[in-house]
Amino acid sequence: MSVEIDHPLLDGRGPGWAATETRADIVALTVGMSDFLSRVVAAGERPIVVSGEFSRMTQPLSEALSAVGGHWVVRTADDGCFDARTGARLDRPESVMAAPSLTTAGVHPAFVRPAIATRLQFVATVSTRHRVTRPVRLGGVLEAASEAFTGGPPSAWGPTEPLVAPWDRDDLTEYTRRRMPLDTRWAAVAPGEHPFIGTLQAARTGEGLEETTRVWADVAGAGEARIGAIDLEARRFLADAAGIGMPLLGVAFATIGSPDLARRATASPPPEPLALLIGPPGVRASGLDVKRWAAEFGAAVVGSPRLPGVLVALGSADGGGWERLGQALGTLDPARTADLLALSPRVAAQLHDRSPESET
């Protein structure tokens, strides 16, 4: 039985989907958009956000849309629609539900046009476990990332954009606690010369509370000296993250993007892996020999001697990281590696979606 969706942003609906359409330059996770996504999901359907071809989508909305299995579709002025993630041509926005072909012939030309992508960015995902039998304080990894790349904590946080509440880890933790056992998603921002934005998702699991943090940080423009240090900064950040709660898995990338950190509906070059953190649960689950990894891959042992984790340098902004990542994971038992990556499905999906094979 279909559930009625009564919402001012609703512009179209069909079996299994509901769409909203906008021509805003920046499509954000506003209060109205957040409410629309929630109502569509509550009705058992998948949301579709339709925008113009030059619209930008904020990272918090992109993350929220992906988390509920939604889609971003672009409607061009005179040449139909396409899937903003793959570039696949679409007869109608709702055709995205049918997983259209990703063949080269089916890619819309607007998807492969040159984009404004002039800045080196740092992108990382870290999954952390907290034992609920101990006092929990969330937001530590997000704060550490902001400190590392902007020199200070986030300036504001909240569930929707614009983010207006002053950054406060205790408030964030308390509001998350009140929403349990529901999953909770927050965003934080640190404006300035080098913009920073992060998202945090908290969820109860059989092992306790799992906090998944993803961050985007502007690093440098072409020719700036900081480009050559991004791999070192990545390792320092993941080493800091290893000391917060019980780290499960972390991976850091260098990528090229736009100055405002927002997503464009255009193809982008694959990111370059910089560093990989496998926390104590992953070490145990994979049967990983910490000393051998240290010897073969120059891995740093992080955490306590009783519960060690490993931090592996993978590559730089110039490349080399995918090969080294494959070599590192290739030393593990395949079945155990699958279990390891399942500890954080979003991280596993990131690694899979951005592997060289997936780009072909």
Protein backbone atom coordinates (compact mmCIF):
# COMPACT_ATOMS: atom_id res chain seq x y z
CA MET A 1 0.00 0.00 0.00
CA SER A 2 1.45 3.34 -1.05
CA VAL A 3 2.00 5.98 1.63
CA GLU A 4 0.95 9.50 0.71
CA ILE A 5 3.84 11.98 0.53
CA ASP A 6 2.62 15.51 1.11
CA HIS A 7 5.60 17.81 0.76
CA PRO A 8 6.18 21.18 -0.92
CA LEU A 9 9.37 19.90 -2.59
CA LEU A 10 7.65 16.92 -4.21
CA ASP A 11 7.64 17.41 -8.01
CA GLY A 12 7.06 13.88 -9.27
CA ARG A 13 6.42 10.37 -8.06
CA GLY A 14 6.18 6.86 -9.43
CA PRO A 15 6.63 3.24 -8.36
CA GLY A 16 9.53 3.18 -5.89
CA TRP A 17 10.65 6.81 -6.34
CA ALA A 18 9.84 10.41 -5.54
CA ALA A 19 11.59 13.39 -7.11
CA THR A 20 12.25 17.02 -6.34
CA GLU A 21 13.56 19.45 -8.95
CA THR A 22 15.60 22.61 -8.45
CA ARG A 23 17.51 25.15 -10.48
CA ALA A 24 19.53 26.44 -7.55
CA ASP A 25 23.22 27.08 -8.17
CA ILE A 26 24.05 25.23 -4.95
CA VAL A 27 21.87 22.29 -3.92
CA ALA A 28 22.28 21.81 -0.19
CA LEU A 29 20.97 19.72 2.68
CA THR A 30 18.55 22.41 3.82
CA VAL A 31 15.84 21.79 6.41
CA GLY A 32 13.33 21.32 3.60
CA MET A 33 15.56 18.92 1.66
CA SER A 34 16.33 16.88 4.77
CA ASP A 35 12.62 16.61 5.54
CA PHE A 36 11.88 15.58 1.95
CA LEU A 37 14.48 12.80 2.07
CA SER A 38 13.13 11.56 5.40
CA ARG A 39 9.52 11.45 4.17
CA VAL A 40 10.43 9.67 0.95
CA VAL A 41 12.43 7.04 2.81
CA ALA A 42 9.64 6.61 5.40
CA ALA A 43 7.28 5.90 2.50
CA GLY A 44 9.57 3.09 1.37
CA GLU A 45 10.74 4.92 -1.75
CA ARG A 46 14.00 6.30 -3.07
CA PRO A 47 14.57 10.03 -3.57
CA ILE A 48 15.73 11.63 -6.80
CA VAL A 49 17.13 15.17 -6.79
CA VAL A 50 16.95 16.79 -10.23
CA SER A 51 19.04 19.89 -10.90
CA GLY A 52 20.34 22.03 -13.73
CA GLU A 53 23.57 21.06 -15.46
CA PHE A 54 25.66 23.75 -13.76
CA SER A 55 24.35 23.18 -10.24
CA ARG A 56 26.73 22.17 -7.48
CA MET A 57 25.81 19.77 -4.67
CA THR A 58 27.23 20.13 -1.19
CA GLN A 59 29.06 17.18 0.30
CA PRO A 60 26.57 16.77 3.22
CA LEU A 61 23.66 16.43 0.79
CA SER A 62 25.65 14.09 -1.45
CA GLU A 63 26.44 11.89 1.56
CA ALA A 64 22.86 11.93 2.84
CA LEU A 65 21.44 11.13 -0.59
CA SER A 66 23.85 8.23 -1.05
CA ALA A 67 23.07 6.87 2.42
CA VAL A 68 19.38 6.42 1.54
CA GLY A 69 20.00 5.00 -1.93
CA GLY A 70 18.98 8.20 -3.68
CA HIS A 71 20.13 9.68 -6.96
CA TRP A 72 21.24 13.01 -8.38
CA VAL A 73 19.99 13.56 -11.94
CA VAL A 74 20.87 16.50 -14.16
CA ARG A 75 18.40 17.97 -16.63
CA THR A 76 20.17 19.89 -19.41
CA ALA A 77 18.65 22.82 -21.25
CA ASP A 78 18.36 21.10 -24.63
CA ASP A 79 19.82 17.58 -24.50
CA GLY A 80 17.87 15.49 -22.03
CA CYS A 81 19.03 14.14 -18.67
CA PHE A 82 21.94 12.19 -17.24
CA ASP A 83 23.02 10.48 -14.03
CA ALA A 84 25.33 12.86 -12.16
CA ARG A 85 27.33 9.94 -10.73
CA THR A 86 28.04 7.98 -13.91
CA GLY A 87 27.15 10.34 -16.75
CA ALA A 88 24.76 7.79 -18.25
CA ARG A 89 22.09 9.29 -20.50
CA LEU A 90 18.53 9.07 -19.23
CA ASP A 91 15.23 9.31 -21.09
CA ARG A 92 13.59 10.68 -17.95
CA PRO A 93 14.90 11.36 -14.43
CA GLU A 94 13.22 8.26 -13.03
CA SER A 95 15.10 6.09 -15.56
CA VAL A 96 18.05 6.30 -13.15
CA MET A 97 16.22 3.68 -11.06
CA ALA A 98 16.88 1.08 -13.75
CA ALA A 99 20.69 1.25 -13.38
CA PRO A 100 21.37 2.49 -16.95
CA SER A 101 24.32 1.22 -18.93
CA LEU A 102 27.71 2.79 -18.27
CA THR A 103 29.03 2.24 -21.81
CA THR A 104 31.05 5.05 -23.32
CA ALA A 105 28.46 5.57 -26.03
CA GLY A 106 25.86 6.24 -23.38
CA VAL A 107 27.76 8.98 -21.55
CA HIS A 108 26.23 12.43 -21.86
CA PRO A 109 28.66 15.00 -23.33
CA ALA A 110 27.90 17.46 -20.53
CA PHE A 111 29.32 14.94 -18.05
CA VAL A 112 32.75 14.95 -19.70
CA ARG A 113 33.08 18.69 -20.27
CA PRO A 114 36.02 20.40 -18.55
CA ALA A 115 35.27 21.19 -14.92
CA ILE A 116 36.56 23.80 -12.52
CA ALA A 117 38.99 21.50 -10.73
CA THR A 118 42.13 23.37 -9.85
CA ARG A 119 42.74 22.58 -6.21
CA LEU A 120 44.41 19.64 -4.51
CA GLN A 121 42.08 18.24 -1.86
CA PHE A 122 42.43 15.80 0.99
CA VAL A 123 39.60 13.28 1.43
CA ALA A 124 39.47 10.69 4.18
CA THR A 125 37.08 8.21 5.73
CA VAL A 126 37.66 6.81 9.21
CA SER A 127 35.51 4.32 11.09
CA THR A 128 35.84 4.24 14.87
CA ARG A 129 34.24 1.99 17.49
CA HIS A 130 33.30 3.16 20.98
CA ARG A 131 32.41 0.90 23.87
CA VAL A 132 29.12 1.99 25.38
CA THR A 133 30.26 0.66 28.77
CA ARG A 134 32.63 3.64 28.91
CA PRO A 135 31.98 7.39 28.64
CA VAL A 136 31.71 8.25 24.94
CA ARG A 137 32.60 11.62 23.42
CA LEU A 138 32.02 11.83 19.69
CA GLY A 139 33.54 14.12 17.07
CA GLY A 140 37.17 13.53 17.96
CA VAL A 141 38.27 12.34 14.52
CA LEU A 142 36.41 15.17 12.81
CA GLU A 143 38.01 17.70 15.14
CA ALA A 144 41.46 16.18 14.59
CA ALA A 145 41.05 16.51 10.83
CA SER A 146 40.02 20.15 11.12
CA GLU A 147 42.99 20.86 13.39
CA ALA A 148 45.34 19.16 10.93
CA PHE A 149 44.18 21.03 7.82
CA THR A 150 42.90 24.38 9.08
CA GLY A 151 44.84 24.83 12.31
CA GLY A 152 41.76 24.88 14.51
CA PRO A 153 38.49 23.08 15.33
CA PRO A 154 35.37 23.36 13.17
CA SER A 155 33.51 26.63 13.53
CA ALA A 156 29.97 25.27 13.22
CA TRP A 157 27.99 22.05 13.09
CA GLY A 158 24.45 20.78 12.75
CA PRO A 159 22.08 18.38 10.96
CA THR A 160 21.19 20.70 8.05
CA GLU A 161 22.73 23.49 6.02
CA PRO A 162 23.59 26.24 6.63
CA LEU A 163 25.47 25.01 9.70
CA VAL A 164 24.98 27.57 12.45
CA ALA A 165 25.54 25.96 15.87
CA PRO A 166 29.00 26.72 17.35
CA TRP A 167 31.17 23.61 17.38
CA ASP A 168 30.79 21.68 20.63
CA ARG A 169 31.67 17.98 20.92
CA ASP A 170 29.70 17.59 24.14
CA ASP A 171 26.52 18.97 22.54
CA LEU A 172 27.06 16.76 19.49
CA THR A 173 27.46 13.70 21.73
CA GLU A 174 24.39 14.54 23.80
CA TYR A 175 22.12 15.09 20.79
CA THR A 176 23.37 11.83 19.30
CA ARG A 177 22.63 9.99 22.55
CA ARG A 178 19.08 11.34 22.58
CA ARG A 179 18.45 9.98 19.09
CA MET A 180 19.61 6.46 19.85
CA PRO A 181 18.94 3.78 18.70
CA LEU A 182 18.35 5.67 15.43
CA ASP A 183 21.33 6.36 13.21
CA THR A 184 22.40 9.99 13.35
CA ARG A 185 24.20 12.16 10.81
CA TRP A 186 25.84 15.53 11.43
CA ALA A 187 28.00 17.90 9.42
CA ALA A 188 30.65 20.42 10.44
CA VAL A 189 32.49 23.17 8.63
CA ALA A 190 35.58 25.32 9.06
CA PRO A 191 35.66 28.21 6.58
CA GLY A 192 38.76 30.17 5.75
CA GLU A 193 41.62 30.28 3.29
CA HIS A 194 41.48 26.48 3.07
CA PRO A 195 37.83 25.36 3.42
CA PHE A 196 37.05 22.22 5.37
CA ILE A 197 33.87 20.19 5.70
CA GLY A 198 33.14 16.89 7.38
CA THR A 199 30.27 14.53 8.06
CA LEU A 200 29.78 12.21 10.99
CA GLN A 201 27.45 9.23 11.19
CA ALA A 202 26.82 7.42 14.47
CA ALA A 203 25.14 4.02 14.62
CA ARG A 204 24.59 1.35 17.25
CA THR A 205 26.04 -2.06 16.41
CA GLY A 206 26.42 -5.34 18.24
CA GLU A 207 29.91 -4.23 19.26
CA GLY A 208 28.96 -0.81 20.61
CA LEU A 209 28.72 2.57 18.91
CA GLU A 210 30.32 3.02 15.50
CA GLU A 211 31.29 6.51 14.37
CA THR A 212 32.06 7.01 10.69
CA THR A 213 33.75 10.27 9.81
CA ARG A 214 34.39 11.59 6.34
CA VAL A 215 36.26 14.81 5.65
CA TRP A 216 37.15 17.02 2.71
CA ALA A 217 39.84 19.68 3.01
CA ASP A 218 41.31 22.14 0.55
CA VAL A 219 45.10 21.79 0.54
CA ALA A 220 46.79 23.79 -2.20
CA GLY A 221 46.74 25.14 -5.72
CA ALA A 222 49.10 24.30 -8.55
CA GLY A 223 52.72 25.01 -7.75
CA GLU A 224 52.23 25.49 -4.00
CA ALA A 225 54.76 23.75 -1.77
CA ARG A 226 52.14 22.08 0.41
CA ILE A 227 51.27 19.70 -2.44
CA GLY A 228 54.43 17.72 -1.80
CA ALA A 229 53.61 17.23 1.88
CA ILE A 230 50.06 15.91 1.56
CA ASP A 231 51.15 12.28 2.02
CA LEU A 232 52.91 13.16 5.27
CA GLU A 233 49.88 15.14 6.46
CA ALA A 234 47.66 12.16 5.66
CA ARG A 235 49.78 9.83 7.78
CA ARG A 236 49.88 12.29 10.65
CA PHE A 237 46.10 12.64 10.60
CA LEU A 238 45.48 8.88 10.53
CA ALA A 239 48.03 8.42 13.34
CA ASP A 240 46.02 10.92 15.40
CA ALA A 241 42.78 9.15 14.48
CA ALA A 242 44.31 5.86 15.65
CA GLY A 243 44.41 7.24 19.20
CA ILE A 244 40.71 8.16 19.32
CA GLY A 245 38.39 5.39 20.47
CA MET A 246 38.99 2.02 18.82
CA PRO A 247 39.88 2.65 15.15
CA LEU A 248 38.48 0.10 12.73
CA LEU A 249 39.60 1.29 9.32
CA GLY A 250 40.77 4.54 7.80
CA VAL A 251 41.83 5.52 4.31
CA ALA A 252 43.05 8.86 2.98
CA PHE A 253 43.15 10.13 -0.60
CA ALA A 254 44.44 13.07 -2.60
CA THR A 255 42.11 14.34 -5.30
CA ILE A 256 41.62 17.31 -7.58
CA GLY A 257 38.49 19.37 -7.03
CA SER A 258 36.89 22.77 -6.99
CA PRO A 259 37.78 25.54 -4.54
CA ASP A 260 34.46 25.33 -2.67
CA LEU A 261 34.69 21.52 -2.11
CA ALA A 262 31.23 21.03 -3.67
CA ARG A 263 30.45 18.27 -6.15
CA ARG A 264 29.99 19.03 -9.82
CA ALA A 265 28.01 16.85 -12.21
CA THR A 266 31.07 16.14 -14.30
CA ALA A 267 33.60 13.34 -14.56
CA SER A 268 36.61 13.69 -12.32
CA PRO A 269 39.99 11.94 -12.26
CA PRO A 270 40.27 9.05 -9.78
CA PRO A 271 41.76 9.99 -6.42
CA GLU A 272 45.17 8.78 -5.32
CA PRO A 273 45.40 6.70 -2.11
CA LEU A 274 47.79 8.22 0.41
CA ALA A 275 47.60 6.09 3.56
CA LEU A 276 45.71 3.18 5.09
CA LEU A 277 44.95 2.58 8.77
CA ILE A 278 43.87 -0.84 10.00
CA GLY A 279 42.88 -0.77 13.65
CA PRO A 280 43.17 -3.54 16.25
CA PRO A 281 39.85 -5.25 15.36
CA GLY A 282 40.94 -5.40 11.73
CA VAL A 283 44.35 -6.76 12.67
CA ARG A 284 42.72 -9.54 14.69
CA ALA A 285 40.01 -10.31 12.12
CA SER A 286 42.50 -10.57 9.25
CA GLY A 287 45.17 -12.49 11.11
CA LEU A 288 47.58 -9.78 10.06
CA ASP A 289 51.21 -10.16 11.15
CA VAL A 290 52.04 -6.66 12.37
CA LYS A 291 55.81 -7.21 12.39
CA ARG A 292 55.80 -8.60 8.85
CA TRP A 293 53.78 -5.65 7.58
CA ALA A 294 56.20 -3.29 9.28
CA ALA A 295 59.10 -5.02 7.52
CA GLU A 296 57.51 -5.45 4.07
CA PHE A 297 55.55 -2.24 3.74
CA GLY A 298 57.29 0.08 6.16
CA ALA A 299 54.09 0.15 8.19
CA ALA A 300 54.05 2.04 11.45
CA VAL A 301 52.62 0.24 14.45
CA VAL A 302 50.00 2.40 16.16
CA GLY A 303 48.00 1.92 19.33
CA SER A 304 49.06 -0.06 22.35
CA PRO A 305 51.43 -3.07 22.22
CA ARG A 306 48.57 -5.25 23.48
CA LEU A 307 46.12 -3.97 20.82
CA PRO A 308 48.25 -2.81 17.89
CA GLY A 309 47.07 -1.34 14.64
CA VAL A 310 49.06 -0.57 11.51
CA LEU A 311 49.43 2.56 9.41
CA VAL A 312 50.71 2.08 5.87
CA ALA A 313 52.01 4.79 3.55
CA LEU A 314 50.55 4.17 0.09
CA GLY A 315 51.46 6.91 -2.35
CA SER A 316 51.49 10.62 -3.06
CA ALA A 317 49.48 13.09 -5.06
CA ASP A 318 51.55 11.99 -8.07
CA GLY A 319 50.32 8.40 -7.88
CA GLY A 320 51.51 4.93 -6.93
CA GLY A 321 48.96 4.43 -4.18
CA TRP A 322 46.58 2.01 -5.90
CA GLU A 323 49.33 -0.48 -6.67
CA ARG A 324 50.66 -0.37 -3.14
CA LEU A 325 47.17 -0.65 -1.68
CA GLY A 326 46.59 -3.75 -3.78
CA GLN A 327 49.89 -5.24 -2.64
CA ALA A 328 49.08 -4.59 1.00
CA LEU A 329 45.57 -6.03 0.90
CA GLY A 330 46.76 -8.86 -1.33
CA THR A 331 48.84 -10.27 1.52
CA LEU A 332 45.68 -10.97 3.54
CA ASP A 333 43.44 -14.00 3.34
CA PRO A 334 40.60 -13.10 0.90
CA ALA A 335 37.79 -14.26 3.19
CA ARG A 336 39.25 -12.43 6.17
CA THR A 337 39.84 -9.34 4.09
CA ALA A 338 36.15 -9.32 3.15
CA ASP A 339 35.25 -9.50 6.84
CA LEU A 340 37.68 -6.70 7.58
CA LEU A 341 36.20 -4.36 5.00
CA ALA A 342 32.70 -5.28 6.16
CA LEU A 343 33.55 -3.61 9.45
CA SER A 344 32.93 -0.35 7.64
CA PRO A 345 30.81 -0.91 4.51
CA ARG A 346 31.03 2.74 3.45
CA VAL A 347 34.82 2.58 3.46
CA ALA A 348 34.75 -0.70 1.53
CA ALA A 349 32.45 0.89 -1.04
CA GLN A 350 34.78 3.87 -1.35
CA LEU A 351 37.77 1.61 -2.00
CA HIS A 352 35.80 -0.47 -4.51
CA ASP A 353 34.22 2.46 -6.35
CA ARG A 354 37.53 4.27 -6.70
CA SER A 355 39.72 1.33 -7.68
CA PRO A 356 41.29 1.46 -11.15
CA GLU A 357 39.18 -1.47 -12.32
CA SER A 358 35.96 0.37 -11.48
CA GLU A 359 36.98 3.33 -13.59
CA THR A 360 37.03 1.27 -16.76
